[in-house]
Amino acid sequence: MREIKMKDVTLNCGATGEKLDRSFRLLKLISGAEPKKVASTKRIPGFNVNPGLEVGCKVTLKGKKAEELLKRLFESINFKLDEKKFGNGTLNFGIEEYLTISGLQFQRDIGILGFSIAIRLTRAGLTIDERKIKRGRIPKRHKITKEETMDFFRKKFNIEIKEKRKKEKI
C-alpha cells in the first residue's frame, strides 16, 4: 500500500491566437498523442481574456509512454532539478526550448517554443479522497511528502537535486 507510482504526466503550453496552433503542433510532436485546447473560465481584463477564449493546450500521458517521455525530458535538463520544483506528490518544471530534447530537430512551422511539465505521484488508496460518492479521508501518514517525492525521482530516474541554501543571519 505504501508503494509510490506515477499517476500521470501533463505537458502544457499557454498561448493564444497563432501561437496556440504552433503550441498544439509542438505538443503533438513531443508526446505523439493528440493535445486538447484549454479554454478560459474567468474574465481577466488586464490580459484581454474572456470566458471561452482558448488560452492554451495540454496533453496528459500515463503508463510506459509517460515514463519513456520523462526519460527524454530529464536528459534534456541533464538530470538536475532544484528542490523548489518538488511538492507533496508533485514535480513541476519547464523547458525553455524544445530543441534541447534529444531526437527533436528544429521545425520551421513551429519555431522556438517552450512548455511546462507537471508530474503527479500516487499511492494505492489515494483515490478515495478524490471520488464524489462515499468519499473517505486519507490519514496524514499515507499522503506523499516532498521528501518521498524527491526520493522517488532520485531512485527511478537518477535525478540530482540541488538543495536549497539557508540564509545565515549576521
Protein backbone atom coordinates (compact mmCIF):
# COMPACT_ATOMS: atom_id res chain seq x y z
CA MET A 1 0.00 0.00 0.00
CA ARG A 2 2.95 2.35 0.57
CA GLU A 3 4.45 1.88 -2.90
CA ILE A 4 4.60 5.15 -4.84
CA LYS A 5 3.64 5.14 -8.53
CA MET A 6 3.45 7.75 -11.24
CA LYS A 7 -0.14 8.80 -11.83
CA ASP A 8 0.27 10.98 -14.92
CA VAL A 9 2.48 13.41 -16.80
CA THR A 10 0.92 16.58 -18.23
CA LEU A 11 2.61 18.76 -20.85
CA ASN A 12 1.20 22.28 -21.01
CA CYS A 13 1.66 25.25 -23.35
CA GLY A 14 -0.05 28.56 -22.68
CA ALA A 15 -0.70 30.71 -25.76
CA THR A 16 -3.40 32.39 -27.80
CA GLY A 17 -4.04 33.02 -31.48
CA GLU A 18 -1.43 31.84 -34.00
CA LYS A 19 0.98 30.80 -31.24
CA LEU A 20 -1.68 28.40 -29.92
CA ASP A 21 -1.65 26.45 -33.20
CA ARG A 22 2.14 26.19 -33.06
CA SER A 23 1.97 25.04 -29.42
CA PHE A 24 -0.61 22.43 -30.40
CA ARG A 25 1.72 21.03 -33.09
CA LEU A 26 4.66 21.09 -30.66
CA LEU A 27 2.87 19.02 -28.01
CA LYS A 28 1.72 16.56 -30.66
CA LEU A 29 5.31 16.23 -31.94
CA ILE A 30 6.80 15.67 -28.47
CA SER A 31 4.18 13.34 -27.00
CA GLY A 32 2.82 11.53 -30.04
CA ALA A 33 -0.69 11.99 -28.57
CA GLU A 34 -3.48 14.37 -29.53
CA PRO A 35 -3.45 17.53 -27.32
CA LYS A 36 -6.58 19.32 -26.09
CA LYS A 37 -7.15 23.04 -26.24
CA VAL A 38 -7.90 24.69 -22.90
CA ALA A 39 -10.48 27.47 -22.64
CA SER A 40 -10.58 30.19 -20.00
CA THR A 41 -13.33 30.09 -17.39
CA LYS A 42 -12.71 33.57 -15.95
CA ARG A 43 -12.58 37.11 -17.25
CA ILE A 44 -9.22 38.87 -16.81
CA PRO A 45 -9.47 42.38 -18.32
CA GLY A 46 -5.74 43.14 -17.95
CA PHE A 47 -4.86 40.31 -20.33
CA ASN A 48 -7.94 40.66 -22.60
CA VAL A 49 -9.14 37.21 -21.53
CA ASN A 50 -12.84 36.36 -21.56
CA PRO A 51 -14.63 33.11 -20.66
CA GLY A 52 -14.48 30.63 -23.53
CA LEU A 53 -11.29 32.08 -25.06
CA GLU A 54 -8.74 29.34 -25.85
CA VAL A 55 -5.66 30.18 -23.77
CA GLY A 56 -3.51 27.08 -24.14
CA CYS A 57 -3.24 23.39 -24.86
CA LYS A 58 -2.26 20.33 -22.88
CA VAL A 59 -1.72 16.61 -23.24
CA THR A 60 -1.76 14.01 -20.45
CA LEU A 61 0.18 10.76 -20.67
CA LYS A 62 0.12 7.70 -18.42
CA GLY A 63 1.97 4.43 -18.09
CA LYS A 64 5.03 3.37 -20.08
CA LYS A 65 4.61 6.10 -22.68
CA ALA A 66 4.84 8.72 -19.92
CA GLU A 67 7.98 7.13 -18.44
CA GLU A 68 9.74 7.00 -21.80
CA LEU A 69 8.93 10.65 -22.46
CA LEU A 70 10.13 11.65 -18.97
CA LYS A 71 13.49 9.97 -19.54
CA ARG A 72 13.96 12.06 -22.70
CA LEU A 73 12.86 15.24 -20.92
CA PHE A 74 15.13 14.66 -17.90
CA GLU A 75 18.01 14.02 -20.29
CA SER A 76 17.44 17.45 -21.84
CA ILE A 77 17.90 19.15 -18.44
CA ASN A 78 20.94 16.97 -17.58
CA PHE A 79 19.07 15.17 -14.76
CA LYS A 80 19.34 18.22 -12.46
CA LEU A 81 16.44 19.98 -10.72
CA ASP A 82 16.02 22.49 -7.89
CA GLU A 83 14.39 21.42 -4.65
CA LYS A 84 11.72 24.12 -5.01
CA LYS A 85 10.25 22.36 -8.08
CA PHE A 86 9.05 19.46 -5.89
CA GLY A 87 5.83 19.41 -3.90
CA ASN A 88 3.79 16.88 -1.94
CA GLY A 89 3.47 14.18 -4.59
CA THR A 90 4.15 16.55 -7.50
CA LEU A 91 7.02 17.74 -9.66
CA ASN A 92 6.69 20.81 -11.91
CA PHE A 93 9.36 22.16 -14.22
CA GLY A 94 9.66 23.84 -17.59
CA ILE A 95 11.72 23.51 -20.73
CA GLU A 96 12.55 26.82 -22.40
CA GLU A 97 13.24 25.46 -25.89
CA TYR A 98 12.12 22.11 -27.28
CA LEU A 99 15.38 21.94 -29.26
CA THR A 100 17.20 20.67 -26.15
CA ILE A 101 15.20 17.41 -26.22
CA SER A 102 17.14 14.57 -27.79
CA GLY A 103 15.74 13.29 -31.07
CA LEU A 104 13.94 16.53 -32.00
CA GLN A 105 15.13 18.92 -34.66
CA PHE A 106 14.06 22.47 -35.41
CA GLN A 107 10.65 22.63 -37.07
CA ARG A 108 10.21 25.78 -39.15
CA ASP A 109 6.40 25.78 -38.83
CA ILE A 110 6.65 25.60 -35.01
CA GLY A 111 9.53 27.99 -34.37
CA ILE A 112 11.13 28.18 -30.93
CA LEU A 113 8.73 27.43 -28.08
CA GLY A 114 8.88 26.13 -24.55
CA PHE A 115 6.42 24.26 -22.38
CA SER A 116 5.86 23.12 -18.80
CA ILE A 117 5.68 19.61 -17.35
CA ALA A 118 3.61 18.54 -14.33
CA ILE A 119 4.06 15.07 -12.84
CA ARG A 120 1.72 13.63 -10.20
CA LEU A 121 2.50 10.66 -7.97
CA THR A 122 0.03 8.41 -6.19
CA ARG A 123 -0.29 5.51 -3.78
CA ALA A 124 -2.86 2.75 -3.62
CA GLY A 125 -5.98 4.06 -1.88
CA LEU A 126 -5.50 7.77 -2.50
CA THR A 127 -8.41 7.89 -4.96
CA ILE A 128 -10.99 7.61 -2.15
CA ASP A 129 -10.26 11.25 -1.35
CA GLU A 130 -10.98 12.33 -4.97
CA ARG A 131 -14.21 10.48 -5.73
CA LYS A 132 -17.66 12.07 -5.35
CA ILE A 133 -19.65 9.24 -3.76
CA LYS A 134 -18.56 7.66 -0.45
CA ARG A 135 -15.54 9.94 -0.16
CA GLY A 136 -13.13 8.88 2.54
CA ARG A 137 -10.35 10.54 4.49
CA ILE A 138 -6.70 9.79 3.99
CA PRO A 139 -4.52 9.71 7.12
CA LYS A 140 -1.52 12.02 7.12
CA ARG A 141 0.92 9.11 7.23
CA HIS A 142 -0.41 7.78 3.90
CA LYS A 143 -0.08 11.05 1.97
CA ILE A 144 3.04 11.58 -0.14
CA THR A 145 5.50 14.10 1.30
CA LYS A 146 8.00 16.28 -0.51
CA GLU A 147 10.91 14.14 0.71
CA GLU A 148 9.26 10.94 -0.56
CA THR A 149 8.68 12.64 -3.92
CA MET A 150 12.34 13.61 -4.18
CA ASP A 151 13.47 10.08 -3.20
CA PHE A 152 11.18 8.55 -5.85
CA PHE A 153 12.75 10.62 -8.65
CA ARG A 154 16.28 10.06 -7.32
CA LYS A 155 15.83 6.29 -7.40
CA LYS A 156 13.74 5.91 -10.55
CA PHE A 157 15.36 8.49 -12.87
CA ASN A 158 18.72 9.26 -11.15
CA ILE A 159 17.81 12.93 -10.75
CA GLU A 160 20.31 15.17 -8.99
CA ILE A 161 18.51 17.62 -6.70
CA LYS A 162 20.09 20.94 -5.83
CA GLU A 163 19.38 21.60 -2.16
CA LYS A 164 18.14 25.00 -1.03
CA ARG A 165 20.72 27.00 0.92
CA LYS A 166 19.51 28.56 4.12
CA LYS A 167 20.35 32.21 4.71
CA GLU A 168 22.52 32.90 7.69
CA LYS A 169 21.77 35.84 9.93
CA ILE A 170 24.66 38.19 10.57
